[in-house]
Amino acid sequence: MGGRISHESSDDANAYIEHLGLSASRCFEEVSKNQLGYQGKICADQYADLIVNLKNQIGGQFSQTSSSPGVVRVVNKCCPFGEVVKEAPELCRMTASVLGGIAARNFGYAKVYLDKRIAMGEEMCEILVYTNRRAARDQPGDEYHSEGNRIISKTASAAVISRVEERINQAWCLGDEKRTNAQKNKPRIIAESQAMRVALEAVEIVAPTLAIVMVTGETGVGKGVIARAVHAMSNRWAQQFVVVNCGAIPENLVETALFGHEKGAFTGAYNIHHGFFDRAEQGTLFLDEINSLPISAQARLLRVLQDGEFERVGGKQTMYANVRIIAASNQRLEELVRSGEFREDLYYRLNVVPIHIPPLRERREDLTALVHYLLKKNSEKYKVPSKTLGEEAWWSIMAYDWPGNLRELENVLERAFLFSPTSIIETVDAPLIATQQREYGQKTVSTIQALKKKAAMEVEVRFIKDALARFQGNVNAVARDMGISPRAVYMKLKTHDLDAMSYR
């Protein structure tokens, strides 16, 4: 593999892919309409025929399935981008924007939701396009609006992410005076994947309530960030957010740690000890690794959750807890219930609103965005110029399964950042990366960014050729249609070795 690849930011790349899809959607629509004999505005059935015809021409094997009023549902078993899409799932955004752009022009509004995706390892893609606002209400997806000759895209979760980040930062700033310099980095929400967006939408819905939230996922996936987001979006955001690592407390001290103890409760108890429930009064108590809580303490916790009452160890006075509970587990609690290691009644009490965070190996969109964010964070932390990953490093990052998830990624990137003598990080090192690379064998695939760029360029070339054909090589007309300057069109023609004169 030769040459350098310029790694643009994840946000810029995603915006470019979406812009390209929206721009191409007009051309694709006109071509498909001519082929099918449709003129002017089309109905929902004609729209379904049009997008199936369009996608099948570029190799999608699409077909329409039964749909409800106000929604068009199509499926496919072959991705137009081929195997590339598994390395660059962000390319699905191009499909969404093409379908959304066409629908918005004909119906004034559309919401597109990719329910199943080959890019994420599923056997097929299933796409829902809502053409009716009422039918789309409370449904996930990205929205597209028609404003004159323009299509405005509104990623449904983008606004949610912005609101959650704003509230987290607001709550975080309350404690800045108490934090050390090492603690002052505000949490950042990275949610490019559909799974994370769904999780944040659930956070916004449940946060204002008092419902118990149960966050599950492997170690290091970001359960703590979700818990903090629930607290920040709640009415208790200005109160204490108390974190308890249940797995780090010695078994004989769990009840004292949670509920406190009275003076003289046992040898060495010289004063009253306020437990975590006392400290979290009127705020939020985050019980992390709840799966590690001993059976003996589970019964007392259940009483607090049911009645809001507890006693300190060695005490006789009933205390009342006004605390919002969020719990997290890195194991499946239902399996622990079956094995007798976790109380069934406590499980049902905790599992009111479950939010599951998949591992990084199932969230490749987030992985790309996290790499860019962490490299920028290291640059700011060590006050040195920014660095980017070279081809070999990118391949290693994307091929690795990251069993330690975000924590492992953060450590590996920081080490690679520190030891790279140049602005290009050529290699990354983790204990299992080399092993996995040997198992994969010698591969000559390009990096994630190169794959995205290649697929995007292919679509852009097809779009420009179709536009040149429609306007008989008139560059000014092509520029107006694309919404860019004639000079920009000439630059694209030069880049792709295209001759406008040959279309006249």
Protein backbone atom coordinates (compact mmCIF):
# COMPACT_ATOMS: atom_id res chain seq x y z
CA MET A 1 0.00 0.00 0.00
CA GLY A 2 1.59 3.25 -1.10
CA GLY A 3 1.03 6.93 -0.45
CA ARG A 4 -0.45 8.89 2.38
CA ILE A 5 -4.12 9.18 3.13
CA SER A 6 -5.50 12.43 4.47
CA HIS A 7 -7.78 11.52 7.38
CA GLU A 8 -10.56 14.08 7.63
CA SER A 9 -12.58 14.42 10.82
CA SER A 10 -15.44 11.98 11.32
CA ASP A 11 -18.04 14.79 11.48
CA ASP A 12 -16.76 16.30 8.20
CA ALA A 13 -16.73 12.91 6.49
CA ASN A 14 -20.27 12.10 7.59
CA ALA A 15 -21.51 15.55 6.54
CA TYR A 16 -19.84 15.11 3.16
CA ILE A 17 -21.40 11.69 2.65
CA GLU A 18 -24.85 13.01 3.52
CA HIS A 19 -24.43 16.12 1.32
CA LEU A 20 -23.33 13.94 -1.56
CA GLY A 21 -26.35 11.67 -1.13
CA LEU A 22 -28.78 14.60 -1.06
CA SER A 23 -27.16 16.16 -4.14
CA ALA A 24 -27.22 12.88 -6.03
CA SER A 25 -30.82 12.14 -5.05
CA ARG A 26 -32.23 14.72 -7.50
CA CYS A 27 -30.32 13.23 -10.43
CA PHE A 28 -31.22 9.65 -9.44
CA GLU A 29 -34.86 10.64 -9.09
CA GLU A 30 -35.09 12.20 -12.55
CA VAL A 31 -33.36 9.27 -14.24
CA SER A 32 -35.62 6.73 -12.51
CA LYS A 33 -38.75 8.76 -13.30
CA ASN A 34 -37.84 8.81 -16.99
CA GLN A 35 -37.26 5.07 -16.97
CA LEU A 36 -40.58 4.35 -15.24
CA GLY A 37 -42.57 6.97 -17.16
CA TYR A 38 -43.48 8.99 -14.07
CA GLN A 39 -43.96 12.75 -14.26
CA GLY A 40 -44.36 15.43 -11.60
CA LYS A 41 -45.13 14.50 -8.00
CA ILE A 42 -45.48 10.78 -7.34
CA CYS A 43 -47.60 8.79 -4.89
CA ALA A 44 -46.26 6.43 -2.20
CA ASP A 45 -46.58 3.33 -4.41
CA GLN A 46 -44.74 5.04 -7.25
CA TYR A 47 -42.08 6.21 -4.81
CA ALA A 48 -41.56 2.61 -3.66
CA ASP A 49 -41.21 1.46 -7.29
CA LEU A 50 -38.79 4.31 -7.99
CA ILE A 51 -36.39 3.65 -5.11
CA VAL A 52 -36.42 -0.12 -5.75
CA ASN A 53 -35.65 0.52 -9.43
CA LEU A 54 -32.95 3.00 -8.52
CA LYS A 55 -31.20 0.81 -5.97
CA ASN A 56 -31.35 -2.31 -8.12
CA GLN A 57 -29.59 -0.50 -10.95
CA ILE A 58 -26.57 0.02 -8.72
CA GLY A 59 -26.60 -3.54 -7.37
CA GLY A 60 -28.84 -3.57 -4.33
CA GLN A 61 -31.29 -6.47 -4.90
CA PHE A 62 -34.04 -4.39 -3.26
CA SER A 63 -37.71 -5.32 -3.00
CA GLN A 64 -40.75 -3.79 -1.33
CA THR A 65 -42.45 -5.55 1.57
CA SER A 66 -45.86 -4.98 3.12
CA SER A 67 -46.16 -1.45 4.45
CA SER A 68 -48.54 0.48 6.67
CA PRO A 69 -50.23 3.75 5.61
CA GLY A 70 -47.71 6.58 5.66
CA VAL A 71 -44.64 4.34 5.56
CA VAL A 72 -42.75 2.60 2.75
CA ARG A 73 -40.74 -0.48 3.72
CA VAL A 74 -38.05 -1.98 1.48
CA VAL A 75 -35.50 -4.75 2.06
CA ASN A 76 -32.36 -5.89 0.33
CA LYS A 77 -29.92 -8.78 0.72
CA CYS A 78 -27.02 -7.26 -1.18
CA CYS A 79 -25.46 -3.89 -0.34
CA PRO A 80 -24.70 -1.57 -3.31
CA PHE A 81 -21.37 -0.73 -1.66
CA GLY A 82 -20.40 -4.41 -1.37
CA GLU A 83 -18.11 -5.60 1.42
CA VAL A 84 -16.75 -2.07 1.82
CA VAL A 85 -19.79 -1.14 3.89
CA LYS A 86 -18.75 -3.49 6.73
CA GLU A 87 -15.55 -1.50 7.15
CA ALA A 88 -17.31 1.84 6.62
CA PRO A 89 -20.88 1.62 7.95
CA GLU A 90 -21.11 5.42 7.73
CA LEU A 91 -21.82 4.91 4.03
CA CYS A 92 -25.34 3.83 5.00
CA ARG A 93 -25.97 7.53 5.58
CA MET A 94 -25.70 8.04 1.83
CA THR A 95 -28.53 5.56 1.21
CA ALA A 96 -30.66 7.27 3.86
CA SER A 97 -30.07 10.73 2.38
CA VAL A 98 -30.79 9.60 -1.21
CA LEU A 99 -34.09 8.00 -0.20
CA GLY A 100 -34.93 10.84 2.17
CA GLY A 101 -34.17 13.52 -0.41
CA ILE A 102 -36.42 11.93 -3.04
CA ALA A 103 -39.26 11.45 -0.56
CA ALA A 104 -39.00 15.02 0.78
CA ARG A 105 -39.20 16.51 -2.72
CA ASN A 106 -42.38 14.56 -3.49
CA PHE A 107 -44.14 14.60 -0.12
CA GLY A 108 -42.60 17.65 1.57
CA TYR A 109 -41.41 15.53 4.48
CA ALA A 110 -39.71 12.19 5.13
CA LYS A 111 -38.15 10.27 8.00
CA VAL A 112 -35.77 7.42 7.15
CA TYR A 113 -34.89 4.64 9.59
CA LEU A 114 -32.43 1.85 8.83
CA ASP A 115 -33.97 -0.91 10.94
CA LYS A 116 -31.58 -3.68 9.87
CA ARG A 117 -28.19 -3.29 8.23
CA ILE A 118 -25.79 -5.59 6.41
CA ALA A 119 -23.08 -3.14 7.51
CA MET A 120 -23.64 -4.23 11.10
CA GLY A 121 -23.41 -7.95 10.35
CA GLU A 122 -27.10 -8.64 9.79
CA GLU A 123 -28.28 -10.80 6.89
CA MET A 124 -30.28 -8.05 5.23
CA CYS A 125 -31.08 -4.36 5.24
CA GLU A 126 -34.58 -3.19 6.13
CA ILE A 127 -35.37 0.46 5.46
CA LEU A 128 -38.47 2.33 6.62
CA VAL A 129 -39.35 5.63 4.94
CA TYR A 130 -42.12 7.56 6.69
CA THR A 131 -43.84 10.00 4.33
CA ASN A 132 -46.44 11.16 6.85
CA ARG A 133 -45.54 13.24 9.89
CA ARG A 134 -48.23 11.66 12.05
CA ALA A 135 -47.06 8.13 11.21
CA ALA A 136 -43.46 9.19 11.90
CA ARG A 137 -44.20 10.68 15.30
CA ASP A 138 -42.28 8.91 18.10
CA GLN A 139 -40.46 6.77 15.52
CA PRO A 140 -36.65 6.78 15.28
CA GLY A 141 -34.88 7.99 12.15
CA ASP A 142 -33.44 10.99 10.31
CA GLU A 143 -35.80 13.68 9.04
CA TYR A 144 -35.75 15.47 5.67
CA HIS A 145 -37.75 18.61 4.85
CA SER A 146 -38.36 20.37 1.54
CA GLU A 147 -37.79 24.14 1.62
CA GLY A 148 -38.20 25.57 -1.87
CA ASN A 149 -35.53 23.95 -4.03
CA ARG A 150 -33.51 22.79 -1.01
CA ILE A 151 -33.71 19.66 1.10
CA ILE A 152 -32.93 20.24 4.76
CA SER A 153 -31.64 17.26 6.72
CA LYS A 154 -32.27 16.95 10.43
CA THR A 155 -30.69 13.97 12.11
CA ALA A 156 -33.27 13.09 14.75
CA SER A 157 -30.70 12.25 17.40
CA ALA A 158 -28.34 15.16 16.68
CA ALA A 159 -30.55 17.52 18.65
CA VAL A 160 -30.82 14.97 21.47
CA ILE A 161 -27.03 14.59 21.63
CA SER A 162 -26.63 18.36 21.74
CA ARG A 163 -29.15 18.72 24.56
CA VAL A 164 -27.63 15.87 26.58
CA GLU A 165 -24.09 17.26 26.19
CA GLU A 166 -25.24 20.74 27.20
CA ARG A 167 -26.91 19.46 30.36
CA ILE A 168 -23.97 17.19 31.25
CA ASN A 169 -21.58 20.12 30.93
CA GLN A 170 -23.91 22.27 33.01
CA ALA A 171 -24.01 19.68 35.80
CA TRP A 172 -20.27 19.01 35.46
CA CYS A 173 -19.38 22.69 35.89
CA LEU A 174 -21.09 22.78 39.30
CA GLY A 175 -18.29 20.66 40.72
CA ASP A 176 -15.34 22.24 38.91
CA GLU A 177 -13.99 23.90 42.04
CA LYS A 178 -13.81 20.54 43.82
CA ARG A 179 -12.18 18.66 40.98
CA THR A 180 -8.49 18.19 40.38
CA ASN A 181 -7.03 19.12 37.00
CA ALA A 182 -7.07 15.44 36.01
CA GLN A 183 -10.83 15.29 36.64
CA LYS A 184 -11.83 18.46 34.80
CA ASN A 185 -12.24 16.93 31.35
CA LYS A 186 -15.98 17.09 30.74
CA PRO A 187 -17.66 13.90 29.49
CA ARG A 188 -18.19 13.87 25.72
CA ILE A 189 -21.05 12.10 23.97
CA ILE A 190 -20.00 10.11 20.89
CA ALA A 191 -23.08 8.67 19.22
CA GLU A 192 -22.63 8.00 15.51
CA SER A 193 -24.08 4.50 15.76
CA GLN A 194 -27.79 3.78 15.73
CA ALA A 195 -27.48 1.85 19.02
CA MET A 196 -26.04 4.84 20.88
CA ARG A 197 -28.59 7.20 19.37
CA VAL A 198 -31.44 4.97 20.50
CA ALA A 199 -29.87 4.85 23.98
CA LEU A 200 -29.69 8.65 24.19
CA GLU A 201 -33.27 9.02 23.00
CA ALA A 202 -34.29 6.68 25.82
CA VAL A 203 -32.23 8.77 28.26
CA GLU A 204 -34.09 11.94 27.32
CA ILE A 205 -37.47 10.24 27.75
CA VAL A 206 -36.81 8.56 31.10
CA ALA A 207 -34.54 11.15 32.77
CA PRO A 208 -37.31 13.52 34.02
CA THR A 209 -39.11 10.61 35.71
CA LEU A 210 -38.20 8.69 38.85
CA ALA A 211 -38.08 5.34 37.05
CA ILE A 212 -35.09 3.14 37.87
CA VAL A 213 -32.73 2.77 34.91
CA MET A 214 -30.73 -0.43 34.35
CA VAL A 215 -27.73 0.04 32.04
CA THR A 216 -26.08 -3.13 30.73
CA GLY A 217 -23.04 -3.80 28.58
CA GLU A 218 -19.50 -5.11 28.68
CA THR A 219 -16.84 -3.45 30.81
CA GLY A 220 -15.70 -0.16 29.31
CA VAL A 221 -18.56 0.47 26.84
CA GLY A 222 -19.61 3.76 28.45
CA LYS A 223 -22.30 2.79 30.97
CA GLY A 224 -21.10 5.53 33.31
CA VAL A 225 -21.59 8.20 30.67
CA ILE A 226 -25.18 7.05 30.11
CA ALA A 227 -25.81 7.11 33.88
CA ARG A 228 -24.39 10.62 34.13
CA ALA A 229 -26.56 11.67 31.18
CA VAL A 230 -29.71 10.42 32.95
CA HIS A 231 -28.75 12.45 36.04
CA ALA A 232 -27.90 15.56 33.99
CA MET A 233 -31.20 15.46 32.09
CA SER A 234 -33.25 14.96 35.28
CA ASN A 235 -34.67 17.54 37.67
CA ARG A 236 -31.93 16.51 40.13
CA TRP A 237 -29.07 17.68 37.91
CA ALA A 238 -27.94 20.32 40.44
CA GLN A 239 -27.77 17.73 43.27
CA GLN A 240 -25.17 15.07 44.03
CA PHE A 241 -24.34 12.32 41.54
CA VAL A 242 -22.83 9.59 43.73
CA VAL A 243 -21.03 6.65 42.12
CA VAL A 244 -20.72 3.33 43.94
CA ASN A 245 -18.58 0.55 42.51
CA CYS A 246 -20.28 -2.42 44.15
CA GLY A 247 -17.50 -4.76 43.00
CA ALA A 248 -14.81 -2.76 44.82
CA ILE A 249 -16.36 -2.89 48.30
CA PRO A 250 -15.29 -5.77 50.60
CA GLU A 251 -18.26 -8.06 51.22
CA ASN A 252 -18.24 -7.49 54.99
CA LEU A 253 -18.41 -3.70 54.48
CA VAL A 254 -21.10 -3.47 51.79
CA GLU A 255 -24.00 -2.68 54.12
CA THR A 256 -21.95 -0.11 56.04
CA ALA A 257 -20.87 1.52 52.79
CA LEU A 258 -24.42 1.70 51.40
CA PHE A 259 -26.44 2.49 54.53
CA GLY A 260 -23.86 3.78 57.04
CA HIS A 261 -23.44 2.75 60.69
CA GLU A 262 -24.16 4.17 64.11
CA LYS A 263 -21.55 5.00 66.72
CA GLY A 264 -20.64 1.82 68.62
CA ALA A 265 -22.21 -0.49 66.05
CA PHE A 266 -19.02 -2.57 66.11
CA THR A 267 -15.46 -2.38 67.37
CA GLY A 268 -13.83 0.72 65.90
CA ALA A 269 -17.11 2.49 65.09
CA TYR A 270 -16.30 5.64 67.04
CA ASN A 271 -18.58 7.96 65.08
CA ILE A 272 -21.68 7.90 62.93
CA HIS A 273 -20.83 6.96 59.35
CA HIS A 274 -23.02 8.30 56.57
CA GLY A 275 -23.47 5.76 53.78
CA PHE A 276 -23.92 6.35 50.08
CA PHE A 277 -27.71 6.66 50.41
CA ASP A 278 -27.21 9.51 52.90
CA ARG A 279 -24.71 11.24 50.62
CA ALA A 280 -26.95 10.95 47.57
CA GLU A 281 -30.01 12.41 49.33
CA GLN A 282 -32.17 14.34 46.81
CA GLY A 283 -29.67 13.41 44.11
CA THR A 284 -28.78 10.32 42.07
CA LEU A 285 -27.08 7.12 43.25
CA PHE A 286 -25.31 5.14 40.52
CA LEU A 287 -24.83 1.50 41.58
CA ASP A 288 -22.16 0.31 39.17
CA GLU A 289 -21.39 -3.42 38.86
CA ILE A 290 -24.61 -4.22 40.74
CA ASN A 291 -24.05 -7.84 39.68
CA SER A 292 -21.25 -7.99 42.30
CA LEU A 293 -23.52 -7.10 45.21
CA PRO A 294 -23.62 -9.95 47.79
CA ILE A 295 -26.95 -11.72 48.32
CA SER A 296 -26.99 -10.55 51.97
CA ALA A 297 -27.02 -6.90 50.89
CA GLN A 298 -29.51 -7.45 48.05
CA ALA A 299 -32.44 -7.93 50.44
CA ARG A 300 -31.78 -4.63 52.22
CA LEU A 301 -31.36 -2.84 48.89
CA LEU A 302 -34.71 -4.25 47.74
CA ARG A 303 -36.41 -2.76 50.82
CA VAL A 304 -35.00 0.69 50.04
CA LEU A 305 -36.17 0.47 46.43
CA GLN A 306 -39.67 -0.69 47.46
CA ASP A 307 -40.34 1.43 50.54
CA GLY A 308 -37.65 4.12 50.51
CA GLU A 309 -36.63 3.07 54.03
CA PHE A 310 -33.42 1.75 55.62
CA GLU A 311 -31.54 1.62 58.93
CA ARG A 312 -27.89 2.24 59.50
CA VAL A 313 -25.90 -0.76 60.73
CA GLY A 314 -26.34 -0.94 64.50
CA GLY A 315 -29.16 1.58 64.41
CA LYS A 316 -32.84 1.36 65.27
CA GLN A 317 -34.08 4.56 63.68
CA THR A 318 -35.75 4.26 60.29
CA MET A 319 -34.20 6.53 57.67
CA TYR A 320 -35.99 7.68 54.54
CA ALA A 321 -34.20 7.87 51.19
CA ASN A 322 -35.11 10.42 48.53
CA VAL A 323 -32.70 9.09 45.91
CA ARG A 324 -32.90 8.41 42.17
CA ILE A 325 -31.40 4.97 41.42
CA ILE A 326 -29.43 4.04 38.31
CA ALA A 327 -27.80 0.60 38.20
CA ALA A 328 -25.32 -0.95 35.80
CA SER A 329 -24.12 -4.50 35.18
CA ASN A 330 -21.41 -5.98 32.97
CA GLN A 331 -23.09 -9.39 33.17
CA ARG A 332 -26.56 -10.55 32.18
CA LEU A 333 -28.54 -10.40 35.41
CA GLU A 334 -31.16 -12.86 34.15
CA GLU A 335 -28.42 -15.52 33.97
CA LEU A 336 -27.32 -14.70 37.53
CA VAL A 337 -30.95 -15.00 38.63
CA ARG A 338 -31.16 -18.48 37.10
CA SER A 339 -27.95 -19.53 38.84
CA GLY A 340 -29.20 -18.20 42.19
CA GLU A 341 -26.51 -15.48 42.46
CA PHE A 342 -28.97 -12.61 42.15
CA ARG A 343 -32.41 -12.17 43.69
CA GLU A 344 -35.21 -12.43 41.17
CA ASP A 345 -37.38 -9.85 42.97
CA LEU A 346 -34.51 -7.35 43.02
CA TYR A 347 -33.85 -7.95 39.32
CA TYR A 348 -37.43 -7.08 38.39
CA ARG A 349 -37.31 -4.06 40.67
CA LEU A 350 -34.17 -2.75 38.96
CA ASN A 351 -35.05 -3.61 35.40
CA VAL A 352 -37.76 -0.96 34.95
CA VAL A 353 -36.09 0.87 32.04
CA PRO A 354 -33.31 -1.27 30.52
CA ILE A 355 -30.72 0.47 28.30
CA HIS A 356 -28.17 -1.80 26.61
CA ILE A 357 -24.87 -0.47 25.25
CA PRO A 358 -23.30 -2.79 22.63
CA PRO A 359 -19.52 -3.37 22.59
CA LEU A 360 -17.28 -1.34 20.26
CA ARG A 361 -16.91 -4.26 17.84
CA GLU A 362 -20.63 -3.81 17.06
CA ARG A 363 -20.42 -0.01 16.82
CA ARG A 364 -17.89 0.68 14.07
CA GLU A 365 -19.30 4.17 13.39
CA ASP A 366 -18.58 5.12 17.00
CA LEU A 367 -15.11 3.58 16.81
CA THR A 368 -14.07 5.91 13.97
CA ALA A 369 -15.45 8.98 15.75
CA LEU A 370 -13.87 7.96 19.06
CA VAL A 371 -10.44 7.64 17.48
CA HIS A 372 -10.61 11.21 16.15
CA TYR A 373 -11.89 12.52 19.48
CA LEU A 374 -9.27 10.73 21.58
CA LEU A 375 -6.39 11.85 19.36
CA LYS A 376 -7.58 15.44 19.66
CA LYS A 377 -7.95 15.00 23.43
CA ASN A 378 -4.35 13.74 23.72
CA SER A 379 -3.11 16.69 21.69
CA GLU A 380 -4.80 19.09 24.12
CA LYS A 381 -3.73 17.09 27.18
CA TYR A 382 -0.02 17.08 26.30
CA LYS A 383 -0.07 20.48 24.56
CA VAL A 384 1.54 19.17 21.37
CA PRO A 385 0.46 19.36 17.69
CA SER A 386 -2.26 16.99 16.58
CA LYS A 387 -1.46 13.54 15.21
CA THR A 388 -3.30 11.20 12.85
CA LEU A 389 -3.21 7.46 12.17
CA GLY A 390 -1.36 6.03 9.19
CA GLU A 391 -2.76 3.21 7.05
CA GLU A 392 -1.35 0.31 9.05
CA ALA A 393 -2.56 1.84 12.32
CA TRP A 394 -6.05 2.40 10.93
CA TRP A 395 -6.25 -1.17 9.70
CA SER A 396 -5.18 -2.46 13.11
CA ILE A 397 -7.79 -0.33 14.87
CA MET A 398 -10.64 -1.49 12.62
CA ALA A 399 -9.64 -5.17 12.55
CA TYR A 400 -9.30 -5.49 16.33
CA ASP A 401 -12.28 -6.56 18.48
CA TRP A 402 -11.48 -4.32 21.50
CA PRO A 403 -12.49 -6.67 24.34
CA GLY A 404 -11.66 -3.85 26.79
CA ASN A 405 -13.83 -1.47 24.74
CA LEU A 406 -13.41 2.28 25.27
CA ARG A 407 -10.98 1.97 28.18
CA GLU A 408 -8.65 -0.22 26.12
CA LEU A 409 -8.96 2.03 23.06
CA GLU A 410 -8.16 5.10 25.16
CA ASN A 411 -5.04 3.51 26.66
CA VAL A 412 -3.77 2.13 23.35
CA LEU A 413 -4.20 5.43 21.53
CA GLU A 414 -2.57 7.44 24.31
CA ARG A 415 0.45 5.12 24.27
CA ALA A 416 0.68 5.29 20.47
CA PHE A 417 0.32 9.10 20.60
CA LEU A 418 3.15 9.49 23.12
CA PHE A 419 5.62 7.19 21.38
CA SER A 420 5.04 8.31 17.79
CA PRO A 421 8.03 10.48 16.74
CA THR A 422 6.08 12.11 13.88
CA SER A 423 2.60 13.50 13.29
CA ILE A 424 1.63 10.22 11.59
CA ILE A 425 1.09 7.33 14.00
CA GLU A 426 2.24 4.35 11.95
CA THR A 427 1.43 1.54 14.39
CA VAL A 428 -0.71 0.91 17.45
CA ASP A 429 0.04 -1.72 20.02
CA ALA A 430 -2.27 -3.78 22.23
CA PRO A 431 -1.60 -7.24 23.68
CA LEU A 432 -4.10 -8.96 21.40
CA ILE A 433 -3.82 -6.87 18.22
CA ALA A 434 -0.80 -8.74 16.88
CA THR A 435 -2.48 -12.09 17.61
CA GLN A 436 -5.62 -11.07 15.74
CA GLN A 437 -3.57 -9.76 12.82
CA ARG A 438 -1.81 -13.12 12.50
CA GLU A 439 -5.20 -14.84 12.50
CA TYR A 440 -6.49 -12.54 9.77
CA GLY A 441 -3.32 -13.07 7.72
CA GLN A 442 -1.72 -10.54 5.40
CA LYS A 443 -4.46 -8.31 4.03
CA THR A 444 -4.03 -5.59 1.45
CA VAL A 445 -7.29 -3.74 2.06
CA SER A 446 -7.16 0.02 2.39
CA THR A 447 -8.06 1.82 5.56
CA ILE A 448 -11.53 2.85 6.60
CA GLN A 449 -11.07 6.41 5.33
CA ALA A 450 -9.76 5.24 1.96
CA LEU A 451 -12.72 2.90 1.55
CA LYS A 452 -15.19 5.66 2.36
CA LYS A 453 -13.48 8.04 -0.04
CA LYS A 454 -13.40 5.48 -2.85
CA ALA A 455 -17.11 4.64 -2.56
CA ALA A 456 -18.08 8.30 -2.26
CA MET A 457 -16.01 9.21 -5.32
CA GLU A 458 -17.70 6.52 -7.38
CA VAL A 459 -21.12 7.95 -6.55
CA GLU A 460 -19.91 11.50 -7.26
CA VAL A 461 -18.58 10.52 -10.69
CA ARG A 462 -21.88 8.82 -11.56
CA PHE A 463 -23.80 11.90 -10.41
CA ILE A 464 -21.65 14.35 -12.41
CA LYS A 465 -21.87 12.23 -15.57
CA ASP A 466 -25.66 12.08 -15.31
CA ALA A 467 -25.84 15.85 -14.74
CA LEU A 468 -23.59 16.53 -17.76
CA ALA A 469 -25.81 14.30 -19.88
CA ARG A 470 -29.00 16.06 -18.74
CA PHE A 471 -27.62 19.55 -19.38
CA GLN A 472 -25.72 18.63 -22.57
CA GLY A 473 -22.36 19.52 -21.06
CA ASN A 474 -23.45 22.99 -19.85
CA VAL A 475 -21.18 23.49 -16.82
CA ASN A 476 -23.08 26.54 -15.53
CA ALA A 477 -26.35 24.56 -15.50
CA VAL A 478 -24.65 21.64 -13.75
CA ALA A 479 -23.26 24.03 -11.14
CA ARG A 480 -26.71 25.52 -10.45
CA ASP A 481 -28.19 22.03 -10.12
CA MET A 482 -25.46 20.94 -7.68
CA GLY A 483 -25.60 24.19 -5.71
CA ILE A 484 -21.88 24.94 -6.22
CA SER A 485 -19.85 27.36 -8.34
CA PRO A 486 -18.87 26.64 -11.99
CA ARG A 487 -15.23 26.77 -10.87
CA ALA A 488 -15.91 23.97 -8.37
CA VAL A 489 -17.50 21.90 -11.15
CA TYR A 490 -14.46 22.41 -13.39
CA MET A 491 -12.22 21.28 -10.53
CA LYS A 492 -14.31 18.12 -10.10
CA LEU A 493 -14.15 17.47 -13.83
CA LYS A 494 -10.38 17.74 -13.68
CA THR A 495 -10.19 15.50 -10.60
CA HIS A 496 -12.27 12.76 -12.27
CA ASP A 497 -10.76 13.24 -15.76
CA LEU A 498 -14.12 14.15 -17.31
CA ASP A 499 -14.64 16.27 -20.44
CA ALA A 500 -17.79 18.41 -20.55
CA MET A 501 -17.38 18.94 -24.32
CA SER A 502 -17.99 15.24 -24.99
CA TYR A 503 -21.57 15.65 -23.65
CA ARG A 504 -22.51 18.46 -26.08
